[in-house]
C-alpha atoms as a PDB file:
ATOM      1  CA  UNK A   1      59.186   2.403 -24.481  1.00  0.00           C
ATOM      2  CA  UNK A   2      58.951  -0.646 -26.708  1.00  0.00           C
ATOM      3  CA  UNK A   3      55.683  -1.777 -28.247  1.00  0.00           C
ATOM      4  CA  UNK A   4      55.813  -4.910 -26.074  1.00  0.00           C
ATOM      5  CA  UNK A   5      56.327  -2.845 -22.924  1.00  0.00           C
ATOM      6  CA  UNK A   6      53.516  -0.517 -23.943  1.00  0.00           C
ATOM      7  CA  UNK A   7      51.204  -3.487 -24.460  1.00  0.00           C
ATOM      8  CA  UNK A   8      52.079  -4.927 -21.051  1.00  0.00           C
ATOM      9  CA  UNK A   9      51.596  -1.508 -19.479  1.00  0.00           C
ATOM     10  CA  UNK A  10      48.187  -1.125 -21.121  1.00  0.00           C
ATOM     11  CA  UNK A  11      47.117  -4.577 -19.955  1.00  0.00           C
ATOM     12  CA  UNK A  12      48.178  -3.779 -16.394  1.00  0.00           C
ATOM     13  CA  UNK A  13      46.275  -0.479 -16.459  1.00  0.00           C
ATOM     14  CA  UNK A  14      43.182  -2.216 -17.811  1.00  0.00           C
ATOM     15  CA  UNK A  15      43.370  -4.867 -15.091  1.00  0.00           C
ATOM     16  CA  UNK A  16      43.667  -2.199 -12.422  1.00  0.00           C
ATOM     17  CA  UNK A  17      40.702  -0.328 -13.901  1.00  0.00           C
ATOM     18  CA  UNK A  18      38.685  -3.550 -13.975  1.00  0.00           C
ATOM     19  CA  UNK A  19      39.552  -4.239 -10.335  1.00  0.00           C
ATOM     20  CA  UNK A  20      38.502  -0.729  -9.347  1.00  0.00           C
ATOM     21  CA  UNK A  21      35.230  -1.086 -11.242  1.00  0.00           C
ATOM     22  CA  UNK A  22      34.564  -4.464  -9.634  1.00  0.00           C
ATOM     23  CA  UNK A  23      35.287  -2.979  -6.218  1.00  0.00           C
ATOM     24  CA  UNK A  24      32.961  -0.049  -6.911  1.00  0.00           C
ATOM     25  CA  UNK A  25      30.228  -2.351  -8.151  1.00  0.00           C
ATOM     26  CA  UNK A  26      30.593  -4.644  -5.143  1.00  0.00           C
ATOM     27  CA  UNK A  27      30.651  -1.675  -2.792  1.00  0.00           C
ATOM     28  CA  UNK A  28      27.490  -0.263  -4.328  1.00  0.00           C
ATOM     29  CA  UNK A  29      25.880  -3.688  -4.283  1.00  0.00           C
ATOM     30  CA  UNK A  30      26.703  -4.183  -0.622  1.00  0.00           C
ATOM     31  CA  UNK A  31      25.358  -0.736   0.227  1.00  0.00           C
ATOM     32  CA  UNK A  32      22.218  -1.352  -1.805  1.00  0.00           C
ATOM     33  CA  UNK A  33      21.646  -4.772  -0.267  1.00  0.00           C
ATOM     34  CA  UNK A  34      22.339  -3.354   3.187  1.00  0.00           C
ATOM     35  CA  UNK A  35      19.826  -0.552   2.671  1.00  0.00           C
ATOM     36  CA  UNK A  36      17.272  -3.026   1.350  1.00  0.00           C
ATOM     37  CA  UNK A  37      17.734  -5.339   4.345  1.00  0.00           C
ATOM     38  CA  UNK A  38      17.361  -2.407   6.725  1.00  0.00           C
ATOM     39  CA  UNK A  39      14.228  -1.245   4.926  1.00  0.00           C
ATOM     40  CA  UNK A  40      12.694  -4.719   4.970  1.00  0.00           C
ATOM     41  CA  UNK A  41      13.665  -5.067   8.614  1.00  0.00           C
ATOM     42  CA  UNK A  42      11.946  -1.794   9.502  1.00  0.00           C
ATOM     43  CA  UNK A  43       8.849  -2.820   7.576  1.00  0.00           C
ATOM     44  CA  UNK A  44       8.726  -6.209   9.301  1.00  0.00           C
ATOM     45  CA  UNK A  45       9.249  -4.656  12.735  1.00  0.00           C
ATOM     46  CA  UNK A  46       6.614  -1.999  12.073  1.00  0.00           C
ATOM     47  CA  UNK A  47       4.037  -4.573  11.014  1.00  0.00           C
ATOM     48  CA  UNK A  48       4.972  -7.159  13.640  1.00  0.00           C
ATOM     49  CA  UNK A  49       5.064  -4.727  16.565  1.00  0.00           C
ATOM     50  CA  UNK A  50       1.865  -2.991  15.465  1.00  0.00           C
ATOM     51  CA  UNK A  51       0.073  -6.318  15.052  1.00  0.00           C
ATOM     52  CA  UNK A  52       1.099  -7.343  18.562  1.00  0.00           C
ATOM     53  CA  UNK A  53      -0.564  -4.255  20.059  1.00  0.00           C
ATOM     54  CA  UNK A  54      -3.771  -4.384  18.008  1.00  0.00           C
ATOM     55  CA  UNK A  55      -6.809  -3.214  19.942  1.00  0.00           C
ATOM     56  CA  UNK A  56      -9.017  -6.296  20.434  1.00  0.00           C
ATOM     57  CA  UNK A  57     -12.013  -4.058  19.830  1.00  0.00           C
ATOM     58  CA  UNK A  58     -10.705  -3.356  16.293  1.00  0.00           C
ATOM     59  CA  UNK A  59     -10.103  -6.949  15.242  1.00  0.00           C
ATOM     60  CA  UNK A  60     -12.687  -9.017  17.121  1.00  0.00           C
ATOM     61  CA  UNK A  61     -15.229  -9.158  14.299  1.00  0.00           C
ATOM     62  CA  UNK A  62     -15.635  -8.410  10.616  1.00  0.00           C
ATOM     63  CA  UNK A  63     -17.771  -5.393  11.416  1.00  0.00           C
ATOM     64  CA  UNK A  64     -15.159  -4.042  13.843  1.00  0.00           C
ATOM     65  CA  UNK A  65     -12.171  -4.352  11.519  1.00  0.00           C
ATOM     66  CA  UNK A  66     -14.028  -2.830   8.545  1.00  0.00           C
ATOM     67  CA  UNK A  67     -15.168   0.115  10.659  1.00  0.00           C
ATOM     68  CA  UNK A  68     -11.610   0.574  11.976  1.00  0.00           C
ATOM     69  CA  UNK A  69     -10.200   0.537   8.439  1.00  0.00           C
ATOM     70  CA  UNK A  70     -12.443   3.440   7.430  1.00  0.00           C
ATOM     71  CA  UNK A  71     -12.039   5.333  10.688  1.00  0.00           C
ATOM     72  CA  UNK A  72      -8.233   5.286  10.803  1.00  0.00           C
ATOM     73  CA  UNK A  73      -7.778   6.995   7.429  1.00  0.00           C
ATOM     74  CA  UNK A  74     -10.420   9.675   8.051  1.00  0.00           C
ATOM     75  CA  UNK A  75      -9.675  13.110   9.463  1.00  0.00           C
ATOM     76  CA  UNK A  76      -9.311  16.804   8.798  1.00  0.00           C
ATOM     77  CA  UNK A  77      -6.402  18.314   6.864  1.00  0.00           C
ATOM     78  CA  UNK A  78      -3.171  18.098   8.833  1.00  0.00           C
ATOM     79  CA  UNK A  79      -4.501  15.597  11.359  1.00  0.00           C
ATOM     80  CA  UNK A  80      -1.926  12.886  11.928  1.00  0.00           C
ATOM     81  CA  UNK A  81      -3.369   9.454  11.322  1.00  0.00           C
ATOM     82  CA  UNK A  82      -2.675   6.639  13.755  1.00  0.00           C
ATOM     83  CA  UNK A  83      -0.574   4.601  11.363  1.00  0.00           C
ATOM     84  CA  UNK A  84       0.254   1.966  13.973  1.00  0.00           C
ATOM     85  CA  UNK A  85      -3.453   1.327  14.278  1.00  0.00           C
ATOM     86  CA  UNK A  86      -3.568   1.025  10.484  1.00  0.00           C
ATOM     87  CA  UNK A  87      -0.691  -1.469  10.534  1.00  0.00           C
ATOM     88  CA  UNK A  88      -2.366  -3.507  13.256  1.00  0.00           C
ATOM     89  CA  UNK A  89      -5.321  -4.313  11.011  1.00  0.00           C
ATOM     90  CA  UNK A  90      -3.271  -5.932   8.230  1.00  0.00           C
ATOM     91  CA  UNK A  91      -1.608  -9.322   8.150  1.00  0.00           C
ATOM     92  CA  UNK A  92       2.146  -9.129   7.312  1.00  0.00           C
ATOM     93  CA  UNK A  93       2.494  -9.107   3.531  1.00  0.00           C
ATOM     94  CA  UNK A  94      -0.961  -7.598   2.978  1.00  0.00           C
ATOM     95  CA  UNK A  95      -1.656  -5.552  -0.129  1.00  0.00           C
ATOM     96  CA  UNK A  96      -3.660  -2.395  -0.843  1.00  0.00           C
ATOM     97  CA  UNK A  97      -4.483  -1.964  -4.517  1.00  0.00           C
ATOM     98  CA  UNK A  98      -6.106   1.129  -5.986  1.00  0.00           C
ATOM     99  CA  UNK A  99      -7.260   0.818  -9.573  1.00  0.00           C
ATOM    100  CA  UNK A 100      -5.573   3.625 -11.491  1.00  0.00           C
ATOM    101  CA  UNK A 101      -4.914   4.696 -15.052  1.00  0.00           C
ATOM    102  CA  UNK A 102      -1.782   3.021 -16.359  1.00  0.00           C
ATOM    103  CA  UNK A 103       1.161   5.220 -17.459  1.00  0.00           C
ATOM    104  CA  UNK A 104       0.901   6.021 -21.142  1.00  0.00           C
ATOM    105  CA  UNK A 105      -2.854   5.601 -21.255  1.00  0.00           C
ATOM    106  CA  UNK A 106      -4.885   8.035 -23.359  1.00  0.00           C
ATOM    107  CA  UNK A 107      -8.444   9.267 -23.239  1.00  0.00           C
ATOM    108  CA  UNK A 108      -9.257   6.993 -26.168  1.00  0.00           C
ATOM    109  CA  UNK A 109      -7.905   3.736 -24.731  1.00  0.00           C
ATOM    110  CA  UNK A 110      -8.295   4.692 -21.038  1.00  0.00           C
ATOM    111  CA  UNK A 111      -6.087   1.844 -19.805  1.00  0.00           C
ATOM    112  CA  UNK A 112      -6.430   1.032 -16.115  1.00  0.00           C
ATOM    113  CA  UNK A 113      -4.740  -1.419 -13.781  1.00  0.00           C
ATOM    114  CA  UNK A 114      -4.093  -2.123 -10.110  1.00  0.00           C
ATOM    115  CA  UNK A 115      -1.273  -0.348  -8.298  1.00  0.00           C
ATOM    116  CA  UNK A 116       0.297  -2.894  -5.918  1.00  0.00           C
ATOM    117  CA  UNK A 117       1.126  -1.394  -2.518  1.00  0.00           C
ATOM    118  CA  UNK A 118       2.144  -2.907   0.778  1.00  0.00           C
ATOM    119  CA  UNK A 119       0.989  -1.224   3.991  1.00  0.00           C
ATOM    120  CA  UNK A 120       4.097   0.977   4.221  1.00  0.00           C
ATOM    121  CA  UNK A 121       3.688   1.994   0.586  1.00  0.00           C
ATOM    122  CA  UNK A 122       0.088   2.995   1.212  1.00  0.00           C
ATOM    123  CA  UNK A 123       1.091   5.025   4.266  1.00  0.00           C
ATOM    124  CA  UNK A 124       3.797   6.803   2.290  1.00  0.00           C
ATOM    125  CA  UNK A 125       1.382   7.446  -0.588  1.00  0.00           C
ATOM    126  CA  UNK A 126      -1.323   8.863   1.690  1.00  0.00           C
ATOM    127  CA  UNK A 127       0.570  10.896   4.294  1.00  0.00           C
ATOM    128  CA  UNK A 128       1.412  13.946   2.155  1.00  0.00           C
ATOM    129  CA  UNK A 129      -2.134  14.093   0.778  1.00  0.00           C
ATOM    130  CA  UNK A 130      -3.685  13.957   4.241  1.00  0.00           C
ATOM    131  CA  UNK A 131      -1.373  16.721   5.446  1.00  0.00           C
ATOM    132  CA  UNK A 132      -2.966  19.130   2.959  1.00  0.00           C
ATOM    133  CA  UNK A 133      -6.479  17.754   2.455  1.00  0.00           C
ATOM    134  CA  UNK A 134      -9.342  16.717   4.646  1.00  0.00           C
ATOM    135  CA  UNK A 135     -10.529  13.200   3.946  1.00  0.00           C
ATOM    136  CA  UNK A 136     -13.485  11.414   5.503  1.00  0.00           C
ATOM    137  CA  UNK A 137     -14.555   8.062   4.144  1.00  0.00           C
ATOM    138  CA  UNK A 138     -17.465   5.936   5.306  1.00  0.00           C
ATOM    139  CA  UNK A 139     -19.152   2.731   4.271  1.00  0.00           C
ATOM    140  CA  UNK A 140     -22.674   3.072   2.890  1.00  0.00           C
ATOM    141  CA  UNK A 141     -23.409  -0.547   1.915  1.00  0.00           C
ATOM    142  CA  UNK A 142     -21.873  -3.981   2.397  1.00  0.00           C
ATOM    143  CA  UNK A 143     -22.082  -7.550   1.139  1.00  0.00           C
ATOM    144  CA  UNK A 144     -20.243 -10.251   3.077  1.00  0.00           C
ATOM    145  CA  UNK A 145     -19.447 -13.865   2.195  1.00  0.00           C
ATOM    146  CA  UNK A 146     -17.813 -16.202   4.730  1.00  0.00           C
ATOM    147  CA  UNK A 147     -16.408 -19.726   4.655  1.00  0.00           C
ATOM    148  CA  UNK A 148     -14.227 -21.308   7.323  1.00  0.00           C
ATOM    149  CA  UNK A 149     -11.437 -18.901   8.161  1.00  0.00           C
ATOM    150  CA  UNK A 150     -11.898 -16.623   5.151  1.00  0.00           C
ATOM    151  CA  UNK A 151     -14.285 -13.822   4.292  1.00  0.00           C
ATOM    152  CA  UNK A 152     -14.866 -11.446   1.413  1.00  0.00           C
ATOM    153  CA  UNK A 153     -16.453  -8.047   1.959  1.00  0.00           C
ATOM    154  CA  UNK A 154     -17.821  -5.970  -0.931  1.00  0.00           C
ATOM    155  CA  UNK A 155     -17.903  -2.540   0.692  1.00  0.00           C
ATOM    156  CA  UNK A 156     -19.365   0.535  -1.013  1.00  0.00           C
ATOM    157  CA  UNK A 157     -17.979   3.854   0.246  1.00  0.00           C
ATOM    158  CA  UNK A 158     -18.400   7.609   0.041  1.00  0.00           C
ATOM    159  CA  UNK A 159     -15.546  10.100   0.457  1.00  0.00           C
ATOM    160  CA  UNK A 160     -15.818  13.722   1.640  1.00  0.00           C
ATOM    161  CA  UNK A 161     -13.339  16.530   2.255  1.00  0.00           C
ATOM    162  CA  UNK A 162     -15.240  17.511   5.403  1.00  0.00           C
ATOM    163  CA  UNK A 163     -17.317  15.241   7.593  1.00  0.00           C
ATOM    164  CA  UNK A 164     -20.372  17.492   7.238  1.00  0.00           C
ATOM    165  CA  UNK A 165     -20.232  17.980   3.447  1.00  0.00           C
ATOM    166  CA  UNK A 166     -23.682  17.504   1.963  1.00  0.00           C
ATOM    167  CA  UNK A 167     -22.417  15.460  -0.985  1.00  0.00           C
ATOM    168  CA  UNK A 168     -19.395  13.175  -1.392  1.00  0.00           C
ATOM    169  CA  UNK A 169     -16.724  14.126  -3.895  1.00  0.00           C
ATOM    170  CA  UNK A 170     -16.161  10.458  -4.650  1.00  0.00           C
ATOM    171  CA  UNK A 171     -17.756   7.033  -4.302  1.00  0.00           C
ATOM    172  CA  UNK A 172     -16.460   3.566  -5.013  1.00  0.00           C
ATOM    173  CA  UNK A 173     -16.241  -0.054  -3.948  1.00  0.00           C
ATOM    174  CA  UNK A 174     -13.639  -1.794  -1.787  1.00  0.00           C
ATOM    175  CA  UNK A 175     -13.111  -5.506  -2.342  1.00  0.00           C
ATOM    176  CA  UNK A 176     -11.732  -6.655   1.015  1.00  0.00           C
ATOM    177  CA  UNK A 177     -10.302 -10.104   1.760  1.00  0.00           C
ATOM    178  CA  UNK A 178     -10.115 -11.177   5.398  1.00  0.00           C
ATOM    179  CA  UNK A 179      -8.620 -14.032   7.422  1.00  0.00           C
ATOM    180  CA  UNK A 180      -9.583 -15.278  10.889  1.00  0.00           C
ATOM    181  CA  UNK A 181      -6.748 -17.011  12.772  1.00  0.00           C
ATOM    182  CA  UNK A 182      -8.919 -18.295  15.604  1.00  0.00           C
ATOM    183  CA  UNK A 183      -8.285 -15.242  17.794  1.00  0.00           C
ATOM    184  CA  UNK A 184      -8.706 -12.204  15.563  1.00  0.00           C
ATOM    185  CA  UNK A 185      -9.512 -10.996  12.061  1.00  0.00           C
ATOM    186  CA  UNK A 186      -6.839  -9.752   9.639  1.00  0.00           C
ATOM    187  CA  UNK A 187      -7.150  -7.773   6.428  1.00  0.00           C
ATOM    188  CA  UNK A 188      -5.302  -9.682   3.707  1.00  0.00           C
ATOM    189  CA  UNK A 189      -5.979  -7.233   0.877  1.00  0.00           C
ATOM    190  CA  UNK A 190      -8.079  -4.264  -0.167  1.00  0.00           C
ATOM    191  CA  UNK A 191      -8.653  -3.737  -3.878  1.00  0.00           C
ATOM    192  CA  UNK A 192     -10.737  -0.740  -4.893  1.00  0.00           C
ATOM    193  CA  UNK A 193     -12.061   1.328  -7.747  1.00  0.00           C
ATOM    194  CA  UNK A 194     -13.644   4.772  -7.725  1.00  0.00           C
ATOM    195  CA  UNK A 195     -16.950   5.350  -9.444  1.00  0.00           C
ATOM    196  CA  UNK A 196     -16.774   7.220 -12.771  1.00  0.00           C
ATOM    197  CA  UNK A 197     -19.186   8.057 -15.606  1.00  0.00           C
ATOM    198  CA  UNK A 198     -18.265   4.878 -17.474  1.00  0.00           C
ATOM    199  CA  UNK A 199     -18.543   2.726 -14.333  1.00  0.00           C
ATOM    200  CA  UNK A 200     -21.413   3.941 -12.133  1.00  0.00           C
ATOM    201  CA  UNK A 201     -22.084   1.907  -9.015  1.00  0.00           C
ATOM    202  CA  UNK A 202     -24.949  -0.539  -9.707  1.00  0.00           C
ATOM    203  CA  UNK A 203     -28.040  -0.085  -7.570  1.00  0.00           C
ATOM    204  CA  UNK A 204     -27.621  -3.553  -6.050  1.00  0.00           C
ATOM    205  CA  UNK A 205     -24.408  -2.372  -4.353  1.00  0.00           C
ATOM    206  CA  UNK A 206     -26.022   0.691  -2.767  1.00  0.00           C
END
């Protein structure tokens, strides 16, 4: 085969390889996008359908929705939580944000930051833990500020492995943002931090 023919042959092979790669990339992209759309669709349907069947007793007041938020996540090890009830408390797009140590942090720098979760992410994060561990959380103090349709609740909590444990294994504060749409209350976000030796809960929040 002549050098010219070989060059043409190589070019043709390269073009075919490029086409195959483009096809593979497009195929993967379409599959990825399709999976993402399905996932977002399921999330939207879960939140929308759950919100439509919210128990009026859970969302009729600030006190009711805060109590429901603590109650729904509490239970003995292996007890299935009512996650549709959990979904019904949160406005679509709501966020739950635990304050955690950032990856790569050391004891000396002790870097912390919020972990951004949507409702489905929180459910996924919590389910396996609740399957193996009892978890009972209750509010022990609260400060509430309201204006118009918005409210902020500073809620101090205690956590126990069993409801009748004499002492909690953990305490902390939930910063909860709420919205009233004229008919019901919604949780917009919950941002929390556990108590630790460096950050004890001040007496004014107990």
